[in-house]
Amino acid sequence: MSIISMVLVVVVAFLAGMGGILDEFQFHQPLVACTLIGLVTGNLEAGIVLGGQLQLLALGWANIGAAVAPDAALASVASAIILVLGGQGVKGVFSAVAIAIPLAVAGLFLTMIARTLAVPIVHFMDAAAERGNYRAIEMWQIAAICMQGLRIAIPAALLLVIPAEAVQALLQSMPAWLSDGMAIGGGMVVAVGYAMVINMMASKEVWPFFMLGFVIAAISQITLIGLGVIGVALALLYIQITKNAGSAGGNSGSGDPLGDILNDY
C-alpha cells in the first residue's frame, strides 16, 4: 500500500470517528467507511461488499438510554484495512465480517475512554461560558470532536504499520474449519442484525409487507434496483390509501385500512 493510500485511509478513519458523534454525514456507517477505504486503496468492489454485509448488522445497533451500541466505525475501518492488507479481495469478506464483531465490542473500551476525557472538557466549556468566551467554547468543541476522530484514526494507523505479509500469512495459516466457521458465523451474525431491525419495526400493520418482501426477494430475476422500486411503490400506495381513508369522513375506522382489516381477526 502506498504512502498516499495510507494517509487517505487514516483520513477516512478520522472522519468515521467524528461521524459516530456528529451523525451528520454518516461516515461511520459501514457502507460508507468500507466503500471509501476500498476506493482509496484500489479495492472498491471488496469494500462495497464488506460494507454491505456489515451494514445489515449495524442496522440493529443503536444507543438506547445509557446502553452504548458496539462501535460500528472501528469495526468498519479495522475490518476493511485487514481485508485490504490480506489481499484476498471479495473472497476474504466473510472472514473480515467475523473479525469485525469482536472489534466492534473492543471499540466500546475506546468509546468509554473518549467519553471520560470529554467530562472535563464540558467543565472547561462551562467555565468559558460563564466568562462569555465564545471562542474558547468553539475551540473546546472542536477539540472534543477531533478526539473522537483520533479514537478511530490511531488504531487504523497502527493496523497500517503491520506488514501486509504478516496479515496474509495469518489469514492463510487459518485451518479450513476455522475459516469456514468464521464465514458461517459472519453470515449468521448479519441475519441476527437484520432480525433485530425487524423486531424493532414489526407490527401487525407491517408484517404483510415483510412477508411480501421476502417472497419477492426469492425471485432471482428481480435485481436490487427492482426490489427498491417495488418497495417505494408499495409505500406510496399505502400512504395514498391511508390518506384517502382518513379523508373519507368515516369514524368507523382508525384511518389505517390495513390495521382495521387485521383488527377484525
C-alpha atoms as a PDB file:
ATOM      1  CA  MET A   1       0.000   0.000   0.000  1.00  0.00           C
ATOM      2  CA  SER A   2       1.401   3.389  -0.989  1.00  0.00           C
ATOM      3  CA  ILE A   3       2.000   6.236   1.434  1.00  0.00           C
ATOM      4  CA  ILE A   4      -0.786   8.277  -0.170  1.00  0.00           C
ATOM      5  CA  SER A   5      -3.258   5.416   0.265  1.00  0.00           C
ATOM      6  CA  MET A   6      -2.241   5.009   3.901  1.00  0.00           C
ATOM      7  CA  VAL A   7      -2.735   8.721   4.561  1.00  0.00           C
ATOM      8  CA  LEU A   8      -6.158   8.644   2.878  1.00  0.00           C
ATOM      9  CA  VAL A   9      -7.164   5.597   4.932  1.00  0.00           C
ATOM     10  CA  VAL A  10      -6.257   7.443   8.148  1.00  0.00           C
ATOM     11  CA  VAL A  11      -8.272  10.460   6.942  1.00  0.00           C
ATOM     12  CA  VAL A  12     -11.287   8.228   6.289  1.00  0.00           C
ATOM     13  CA  ALA A  13     -10.855   6.673   9.737  1.00  0.00           C
ATOM     14  CA  PHE A  14     -10.686  10.152  11.304  1.00  0.00           C
ATOM     15  CA  LEU A  15     -13.910  11.180   9.537  1.00  0.00           C
ATOM     16  CA  ALA A  16     -15.581   7.922  10.597  1.00  0.00           C
ATOM     17  CA  GLY A  17     -14.680   8.590  14.226  1.00  0.00           C
ATOM     18  CA  MET A  18     -16.172  12.070  14.082  1.00  0.00           C
ATOM     19  CA  GLY A  19     -19.217  10.798  12.199  1.00  0.00           C
ATOM     20  CA  GLY A  20     -20.032   8.448  15.067  1.00  0.00           C
ATOM     21  CA  ILE A  21     -20.715  11.531  17.212  1.00  0.00           C
ATOM     22  CA  LEU A  22     -21.917  14.086  14.699  1.00  0.00           C
ATOM     23  CA  ASP A  23     -24.331  11.750  12.832  1.00  0.00           C
ATOM     24  CA  GLU A  24     -24.421  14.323  10.032  1.00  0.00           C
ATOM     25  CA  PHE A  25     -22.510  12.878   7.085  1.00  0.00           C
ATOM     26  CA  GLN A  26     -22.746   9.223   8.223  1.00  0.00           C
ATOM     27  CA  PHE A  27     -19.044   8.497   7.624  1.00  0.00           C
ATOM     28  CA  HIS A  28     -19.186   5.966  10.458  1.00  0.00           C
ATOM     29  CA  GLN A  29     -21.721   3.772   8.685  1.00  0.00           C
ATOM     30  CA  PRO A  30     -20.080   0.559   7.416  1.00  0.00           C
ATOM     31  CA  LEU A  31     -21.326   1.001   3.858  1.00  0.00           C
ATOM     32  CA  VAL A  32     -19.734   4.460   3.673  1.00  0.00           C
ATOM     33  CA  ALA A  33     -16.500   3.789   5.593  1.00  0.00           C
ATOM     34  CA  CYS A  34     -15.689   0.452   3.932  1.00  0.00           C
ATOM     35  CA  THR A  35     -16.509   1.800   0.481  1.00  0.00           C
ATOM     36  CA  LEU A  36     -14.244   4.820   0.967  1.00  0.00           C
ATOM     37  CA  ILE A  37     -11.377   2.667   2.231  1.00  0.00           C
ATOM     38  CA  GLY A  38     -11.856   0.317  -0.697  1.00  0.00           C
ATOM     39  CA  LEU A  39     -11.835   3.309  -3.043  1.00  0.00           C
ATOM     40  CA  VAL A  40      -8.616   4.880  -1.760  1.00  0.00           C
ATOM     41  CA  THR A  41      -6.810   1.517  -1.684  1.00  0.00           C
ATOM     42  CA  GLY A  42      -7.941   0.280  -5.088  1.00  0.00           C
ATOM     43  CA  ASN A  43     -10.234  -2.411  -3.668  1.00  0.00           C
ATOM     44  CA  LEU A  44     -13.578  -0.768  -4.330  1.00  0.00           C
ATOM     45  CA  GLU A  45     -15.544  -3.949  -5.045  1.00  0.00           C
ATOM     46  CA  ALA A  46     -14.356  -5.707  -1.896  1.00  0.00           C
ATOM     47  CA  GLY A  47     -15.017  -2.559   0.152  1.00  0.00           C
ATOM     48  CA  ILE A  48     -18.595  -2.263  -1.103  1.00  0.00           C
ATOM     49  CA  VAL A  49     -19.328  -5.942  -0.443  1.00  0.00           C
ATOM     50  CA  LEU A  50     -17.856  -5.760   3.062  1.00  0.00           C
ATOM     51  CA  GLY A  51     -19.714  -2.536   3.808  1.00  0.00           C
ATOM     52  CA  GLY A  52     -22.996  -4.034   2.651  1.00  0.00           C
ATOM     53  CA  GLN A  53     -22.533  -7.109   4.842  1.00  0.00           C
ATOM     54  CA  LEU A  54     -21.624  -5.049   7.910  1.00  0.00           C
ATOM     55  CA  GLN A  55     -24.402  -2.531   7.285  1.00  0.00           C
ATOM     56  CA  LEU A  56     -27.069  -5.217   7.725  1.00  0.00           C
ATOM     57  CA  LEU A  57     -25.548  -5.973  11.111  1.00  0.00           C
ATOM     58  CA  ALA A  58     -25.100  -2.339  12.144  1.00  0.00           C
ATOM     59  CA  LEU A  59     -28.766  -1.599  11.434  1.00  0.00           C
ATOM     60  CA  GLY A  60     -29.547  -3.360  14.690  1.00  0.00           C
ATOM     61  CA  TRP A  61     -27.008  -1.341  16.688  1.00  0.00           C
ATOM     62  CA  ALA A  62     -28.457   1.658  18.493  1.00  0.00           C
ATOM     63  CA  ASN A  63     -27.683   3.623  21.652  1.00  0.00           C
ATOM     64  CA  ILE A  64     -30.668   3.153  23.960  1.00  0.00           C
ATOM     65  CA  GLY A  65     -30.576   5.092  27.226  1.00  0.00           C
ATOM     66  CA  ALA A  66     -27.267   4.502  28.974  1.00  0.00           C
ATOM     67  CA  ALA A  67     -26.547   1.404  26.865  1.00  0.00           C
ATOM     68  CA  VAL A  68     -23.914   2.108  24.200  1.00  0.00           C
ATOM     69  CA  ALA A  69     -24.045   0.105  20.973  1.00  0.00           C
ATOM     70  CA  PRO A  70     -20.938  -1.606  19.561  1.00  0.00           C
ATOM     71  CA  ASP A  71     -18.613   0.729  17.701  1.00  0.00           C
ATOM     72  CA  ALA A  72     -19.575   0.479  14.033  1.00  0.00           C
ATOM     73  CA  ALA A  73     -16.866   2.952  12.997  1.00  0.00           C
ATOM     74  CA  LEU A  74     -13.969   0.945  14.422  1.00  0.00           C
ATOM     75  CA  ALA A  75     -15.435  -2.336  13.180  1.00  0.00           C
ATOM     76  CA  SER A  76     -15.824  -0.957   9.655  1.00  0.00           C
ATOM     77  CA  VAL A  77     -12.428   0.711   9.394  1.00  0.00           C
ATOM     78  CA  ALA A  78     -10.397  -2.049  11.036  1.00  0.00           C
ATOM     79  CA  SER A  79     -12.053  -4.911   9.143  1.00  0.00           C
ATOM     80  CA  ALA A  80     -11.682  -3.039   5.845  1.00  0.00           C
ATOM     81  CA  ILE A  81      -7.974  -2.463   6.498  1.00  0.00           C
ATOM     82  CA  ILE A  82      -7.458  -6.125   7.413  1.00  0.00           C
ATOM     83  CA  LEU A  83      -9.323  -7.152   4.255  1.00  0.00           C
ATOM     84  CA  VAL A  84      -7.145  -4.898   2.098  1.00  0.00           C
ATOM     85  CA  LEU A  85      -3.882  -5.987   3.732  1.00  0.00           C
ATOM     86  CA  GLY A  86      -4.900  -9.637   3.452  1.00  0.00           C
ATOM     87  CA  GLY A  87      -5.099  -9.291  -0.321  1.00  0.00           C
ATOM     88  CA  GLN A  88      -7.923 -11.827  -0.634  1.00  0.00           C
ATOM     89  CA  GLY A  89     -10.365  -9.440  -2.260  1.00  0.00           C
ATOM     90  CA  VAL A  90     -14.045 -10.352  -2.139  1.00  0.00           C
ATOM     91  CA  LYS A  91     -13.147 -13.889  -1.010  1.00  0.00           C
ATOM     92  CA  GLY A  92     -11.995 -12.539   2.358  1.00  0.00           C
ATOM     93  CA  VAL A  93     -15.185 -10.605   3.110  1.00  0.00           C
ATOM     94  CA  PHE A  94     -16.770 -13.258   5.334  1.00  0.00           C
ATOM     95  CA  SER A  95     -13.621 -13.585   7.429  1.00  0.00           C
ATOM     96  CA  ALA A  96     -13.457  -9.796   7.736  1.00  0.00           C
ATOM     97  CA  VAL A  97     -17.107  -9.700   8.872  1.00  0.00           C
ATOM     98  CA  ALA A  98     -16.377 -12.239  11.600  1.00  0.00           C
ATOM     99  CA  ILE A  99     -13.325 -10.233  12.690  1.00  0.00           C
ATOM    100  CA  ALA A 100     -15.401  -7.043  12.811  1.00  0.00           C
ATOM    101  CA  ILE A 101     -17.668  -8.318  15.597  1.00  0.00           C
ATOM    102  CA  PRO A 102     -15.034  -8.502  18.375  1.00  0.00           C
ATOM    103  CA  LEU A 103     -13.529  -5.271  17.047  1.00  0.00           C
ATOM    104  CA  ALA A 104     -16.891  -3.541  17.479  1.00  0.00           C
ATOM    105  CA  VAL A 105     -17.098  -4.733  21.075  1.00  0.00           C
ATOM    106  CA  ALA A 106     -13.490  -3.688  21.728  1.00  0.00           C
ATOM    107  CA  GLY A 107     -14.361  -0.260  20.358  1.00  0.00           C
ATOM    108  CA  LEU A 108     -16.628   0.244  23.360  1.00  0.00           C
ATOM    109  CA  PHE A 109     -13.497   0.493  25.532  1.00  0.00           C
ATOM    110  CA  LEU A 110     -12.136   3.306  23.378  1.00  0.00           C
ATOM    111  CA  THR A 111     -15.542   4.973  23.477  1.00  0.00           C
ATOM    112  CA  MET A 112     -15.517   4.857  27.282  1.00  0.00           C
ATOM    113  CA  ILE A 113     -12.068   6.467  27.356  1.00  0.00           C
ATOM    114  CA  ALA A 114     -13.115   9.219  24.952  1.00  0.00           C
ATOM    115  CA  ARG A 115     -16.305   9.968  26.882  1.00  0.00           C
ATOM    116  CA  THR A 116     -14.413  10.026  30.181  1.00  0.00           C
ATOM    117  CA  LEU A 117     -11.965  12.544  28.744  1.00  0.00           C
ATOM    118  CA  ALA A 118     -14.903  14.582  27.480  1.00  0.00           C
ATOM    119  CA  VAL A 119     -16.178  15.192  31.020  1.00  0.00           C
ATOM    120  CA  PRO A 120     -13.509  17.787  31.981  1.00  0.00           C
ATOM    121  CA  ILE A 121     -13.898  19.354  28.533  1.00  0.00           C
ATOM    122  CA  VAL A 122     -17.554  20.033  29.359  1.00  0.00           C
ATOM    123  CA  HIS A 123     -16.488  21.753  32.587  1.00  0.00           C
ATOM    124  CA  PHE A 124     -13.955  23.847  30.654  1.00  0.00           C
ATOM    125  CA  MET A 125     -16.724  24.872  28.266  1.00  0.00           C
ATOM    126  CA  ASP A 126     -18.994  25.770  31.198  1.00  0.00           C
ATOM    127  CA  ALA A 127     -16.244  27.965  32.658  1.00  0.00           C
ATOM    128  CA  ALA A 128     -15.729  29.636  29.281  1.00  0.00           C
ATOM    129  CA  ALA A 129     -19.482  30.244  29.015  1.00  0.00           C
ATOM    130  CA  GLU A 130     -19.501  31.959  32.409  1.00  0.00           C
ATOM    131  CA  ARG A 131     -16.776  34.293  31.145  1.00  0.00           C
ATOM    132  CA  GLY A 132     -18.631  34.862  27.893  1.00  0.00           C
ATOM    133  CA  ASN A 133     -15.688  33.497  25.917  1.00  0.00           C
ATOM    134  CA  TYR A 134     -17.463  32.026  22.907  1.00  0.00           C
ATOM    135  CA  ARG A 135     -14.238  31.392  21.019  1.00  0.00           C
ATOM    136  CA  ALA A 136     -12.986  29.141  23.814  1.00  0.00           C
ATOM    137  CA  ILE A 137     -16.266  27.218  23.729  1.00  0.00           C
ATOM    138  CA  GLU A 138     -15.854  26.642  19.996  1.00  0.00           C
ATOM    139  CA  MET A 139     -12.225  25.546  20.400  1.00  0.00           C
ATOM    140  CA  TRP A 140     -13.091  23.040  23.122  1.00  0.00           C
ATOM    141  CA  GLN A 141     -15.953  21.746  20.965  1.00  0.00           C
ATOM    142  CA  ILE A 142     -13.585  21.224  18.026  1.00  0.00           C
ATOM    143  CA  ALA A 143     -11.034  19.548  20.307  1.00  0.00           C
ATOM    144  CA  ALA A 144     -13.658  17.119  21.624  1.00  0.00           C
ATOM    145  CA  ILE A 145     -14.786  16.220  18.091  1.00  0.00           C
ATOM    146  CA  CYS A 146     -11.182  15.725  16.958  1.00  0.00           C
ATOM    147  CA  MET A 147     -10.634  13.435  19.952  1.00  0.00           C
ATOM    148  CA  GLN A 148     -13.462  11.253  18.668  1.00  0.00           C
ATOM    149  CA  GLY A 149     -11.790  11.178  15.267  1.00  0.00           C
ATOM    150  CA  LEU A 150      -8.453  10.136  16.772  1.00  0.00           C
ATOM    151  CA  ARG A 151     -10.278   7.345  18.589  1.00  0.00           C
ATOM    152  CA  ILE A 152     -10.545   5.563  15.226  1.00  0.00           C
ATOM    153  CA  ALA A 153      -7.617   7.118  13.338  1.00  0.00           C
ATOM    154  CA  ILE A 154      -4.935   5.946  15.789  1.00  0.00           C
ATOM    155  CA  PRO A 155      -5.946   2.238  15.724  1.00  0.00           C
ATOM    156  CA  ALA A 156      -6.221   2.481  11.927  1.00  0.00           C
ATOM    157  CA  ALA A 157      -2.697   3.877  11.683  1.00  0.00           C
ATOM    158  CA  LEU A 158      -1.384   1.113  13.937  1.00  0.00           C
ATOM    159  CA  LEU A 159      -3.006  -1.521  11.723  1.00  0.00           C
ATOM    160  CA  LEU A 160      -1.394   0.013   8.652  1.00  0.00           C
ATOM    161  CA  VAL A 161       2.031  -0.341  10.253  1.00  0.00           C
ATOM    162  CA  ILE A 162       1.624  -4.120  10.350  1.00  0.00           C
ATOM    163  CA  PRO A 163       3.280  -5.607   7.243  1.00  0.00           C
ATOM    164  CA  ALA A 164       0.855  -6.909   4.647  1.00  0.00           C
ATOM    165  CA  GLU A 165       2.808 -10.170   4.503  1.00  0.00           C
ATOM    166  CA  ALA A 166       2.067 -10.786   8.181  1.00  0.00           C
ATOM    167  CA  VAL A 167      -1.663 -10.330   7.646  1.00  0.00           C
ATOM    168  CA  GLN A 168      -1.614 -12.557   4.566  1.00  0.00           C
ATOM    169  CA  ALA A 169       0.345 -15.240   6.401  1.00  0.00           C
ATOM    170  CA  LEU A 170      -2.100 -15.098   9.323  1.00  0.00           C
ATOM    171  CA  LEU A 171      -5.135 -15.466   7.078  1.00  0.00           C
ATOM    172  CA  GLN A 172      -3.572 -18.235   5.006  1.00  0.00           C
ATOM    173  CA  SER A 173      -2.468 -20.147   8.094  1.00  0.00           C
ATOM    174  CA  MET A 174      -6.043 -20.464   9.331  1.00  0.00           C
ATOM    175  CA  PRO A 175      -7.273 -24.064   9.170  1.00  0.00           C
ATOM    176  CA  ALA A 176     -10.254 -24.831   6.973  1.00  0.00           C
ATOM    177  CA  TRP A 177     -12.563 -25.469   9.927  1.00  0.00           C
ATOM    178  CA  LEU A 178     -11.790 -22.025  11.355  1.00  0.00           C
ATOM    179  CA  SER A 179     -12.164 -20.077   8.108  1.00  0.00           C
ATOM    180  CA  ASP A 180     -15.364 -21.949   7.194  1.00  0.00           C
ATOM    181  CA  GLY A 181     -16.708 -21.432  10.707  1.00  0.00           C
ATOM    182  CA  MET A 182     -15.971 -17.697  10.519  1.00  0.00           C
ATOM    183  CA  ALA A 183     -17.732 -17.495   7.167  1.00  0.00           C
ATOM    184  CA  ILE A 184     -20.820 -19.284   8.520  1.00  0.00           C
ATOM    185  CA  GLY A 185     -20.753 -17.218  11.728  1.00  0.00           C
ATOM    186  CA  GLY A 186     -20.412 -13.995   9.765  1.00  0.00           C
ATOM    187  CA  GLY A 187     -23.483 -14.851   7.709  1.00  0.00           C
ATOM    188  CA  MET A 188     -25.461 -15.748  10.829  1.00  0.00           C
ATOM    189  CA  VAL A 189     -24.461 -12.519  12.587  1.00  0.00           C
ATOM    190  CA  VAL A 190     -25.706 -10.464   9.642  1.00  0.00           C
ATOM    191  CA  ALA A 191     -29.008 -12.346   9.774  1.00  0.00           C
ATOM    192  CA  VAL A 192     -29.264 -11.662  13.513  1.00  0.00           C
ATOM    193  CA  GLY A 193     -28.670  -7.960  12.924  1.00  0.00           C
ATOM    194  CA  TYR A 194     -31.438  -7.850  10.328  1.00  0.00           C
ATOM    195  CA  ALA A 195     -33.714  -9.781  12.684  1.00  0.00           C
ATOM    196  CA  MET A 196     -33.074  -7.159  15.384  1.00  0.00           C
ATOM    197  CA  VAL A 197     -34.236  -4.464  12.976  1.00  0.00           C
ATOM    198  CA  ILE A 198     -37.388  -6.422  12.153  1.00  0.00           C
ATOM    199  CA  ASN A 199     -38.035  -6.928  15.868  1.00  0.00           C
ATOM    200  CA  MET A 200     -37.938  -3.159  16.446  1.00  0.00           C
ATOM    201  CA  MET A 201     -40.126  -2.326  13.425  1.00  0.00           C
ATOM    202  CA  ALA A 202     -42.518  -5.277  13.440  1.00  0.00           C
ATOM    203  CA  SER A 203     -46.209  -4.622  13.991  1.00  0.00           C
ATOM    204  CA  LYS A 204     -49.371  -6.170  12.675  1.00  0.00           C
ATOM    205  CA  GLU A 205     -49.643  -3.365  10.115  1.00  0.00           C
ATOM    206  CA  VAL A 206     -46.237  -4.006   8.524  1.00  0.00           C
ATOM    207  CA  TRP A 207     -45.962  -7.801   8.801  1.00  0.00           C
ATOM    208  CA  PRO A 208     -47.757  -8.325   5.451  1.00  0.00           C
ATOM    209  CA  PHE A 209     -45.156  -6.101   3.792  1.00  0.00           C
ATOM    210  CA  PHE A 210     -42.327  -8.103   5.403  1.00  0.00           C
ATOM    211  CA  MET A 211     -43.792 -11.364   4.119  1.00  0.00           C
ATOM    212  CA  LEU A 212     -44.390  -9.924   0.663  1.00  0.00           C
ATOM    213  CA  GLY A 213     -40.838  -8.598   0.555  1.00  0.00           C
ATOM    214  CA  PHE A 214     -39.317 -11.972   1.397  1.00  0.00           C
ATOM    215  CA  VAL A 215     -41.412 -13.693  -1.282  1.00  0.00           C
ATOM    216  CA  ILE A 216     -40.496 -11.136  -3.944  1.00  0.00           C
ATOM    217  CA  ALA A 217     -36.815 -11.274  -2.934  1.00  0.00           C
ATOM    218  CA  ALA A 218     -36.851 -15.027  -3.641  1.00  0.00           C
ATOM    219  CA  ILE A 219     -37.433 -14.272  -7.338  1.00  0.00           C
ATOM    220  CA  SER A 220     -33.893 -14.249  -8.646  1.00  0.00           C
ATOM    221  CA  GLN A 221     -34.743 -12.359 -11.847  1.00  0.00           C
ATOM    222  CA  ILE A 222     -35.539  -9.197  -9.887  1.00  0.00           C
ATOM    223  CA  THR A 223     -32.497  -7.028  -9.185  1.00  0.00           C
ATOM    224  CA  LEU A 224     -31.918  -4.913  -6.067  1.00  0.00           C
ATOM    225  CA  ILE A 225     -32.998  -1.838  -8.022  1.00  0.00           C
ATOM    226  CA  GLY A 226     -36.217  -3.613  -8.948  1.00  0.00           C
ATOM    227  CA  LEU A 227     -36.832  -4.563  -5.323  1.00  0.00           C
ATOM    228  CA  GLY A 228     -36.246  -0.953  -4.297  1.00  0.00           C
ATOM    229  CA  VAL A 229     -38.750   0.317  -6.867  1.00  0.00           C
ATOM    230  CA  ILE A 230     -41.344  -2.216  -5.685  1.00  0.00           C
ATOM    231  CA  GLY A 231     -40.770  -1.164  -2.059  1.00  0.00           C
ATOM    232  CA  VAL A 232     -41.182   2.536  -2.878  1.00  0.00           C
ATOM    233  CA  ALA A 233     -44.314   1.808  -4.913  1.00  0.00           C
ATOM    234  CA  LEU A 234     -45.885  -0.192  -2.071  1.00  0.00           C
ATOM    235  CA  ALA A 235     -45.044   2.570   0.422  1.00  0.00           C
ATOM    236  CA  LEU A 236     -46.616   5.235  -1.809  1.00  0.00           C
ATOM    237  CA  LEU A 237     -49.722   3.095  -2.315  1.00  0.00           C
ATOM    238  CA  TYR A 238     -50.067   2.525   1.418  1.00  0.00           C
ATOM    239  CA  ILE A 239     -49.687   6.247   2.146  1.00  0.00           C
ATOM    240  CA  GLN A 240     -52.263   7.129  -0.508  1.00  0.00           C
ATOM    241  CA  ILE A 241     -54.762   4.528   0.739  1.00  0.00           C
ATOM    242  CA  THR A 242     -54.302   5.694   4.328  1.00  0.00           C
ATOM    243  CA  LYS A 243     -54.756   9.335   3.309  1.00  0.00           C
ATOM    244  CA  ASN A 244     -57.916   8.580   1.347  1.00  0.00           C
ATOM    245  CA  ALA A 245     -59.340   6.530   4.215  1.00  0.00           C
ATOM    246  CA  GLY A 246     -58.615   9.318   6.668  1.00  0.00           C
ATOM    247  CA  SER A 247     -60.266  11.974   4.483  1.00  0.00           C
ATOM    248  CA  ALA A 248     -63.346   9.849   3.749  1.00  0.00           C
ATOM    249  CA  GLY A 249     -65.025  11.282   6.829  1.00  0.00           C
ATOM    250  CA  GLY A 250     -65.869   7.963   8.342  1.00  0.00           C
ATOM    251  CA  ASN A 251     -65.418   7.422  12.032  1.00  0.00           C
ATOM    252  CA  SER A 252     -65.889   3.687  11.733  1.00  0.00           C
ATOM    253  CA  GLY A 253     -62.202   3.030  11.270  1.00  0.00           C
ATOM    254  CA  SER A 254     -58.885   4.187  12.587  1.00  0.00           C
ATOM    255  CA  GLY A 255     -57.725   5.695   9.314  1.00  0.00           C
ATOM    256  CA  ASP A 256     -55.454   2.723   8.788  1.00  0.00           C
ATOM    257  CA  PRO A 257     -57.274   0.385   6.365  1.00  0.00           C
ATOM    258  CA  LEU A 258     -54.814  -2.456   6.726  1.00  0.00           C
ATOM    259  CA  GLY A 259     -54.880  -2.125  10.500  1.00  0.00           C
ATOM    260  CA  ASP A 260     -58.696  -2.156  10.503  1.00  0.00           C
ATOM    261  CA  ILE A 261     -58.720  -5.357   8.452  1.00  0.00           C
ATOM    262  CA  LEU A 262     -56.243  -7.048  10.791  1.00  0.00           C
ATOM    263  CA  ASN A 263     -58.170  -5.889  13.865  1.00  0.00           C
ATOM    264  CA  ASP A 264     -61.131  -7.923  12.633  1.00  0.00           C
ATOM    265  CA  TYR A 265     -59.060 -11.017  13.206  1.00  0.00           C
END
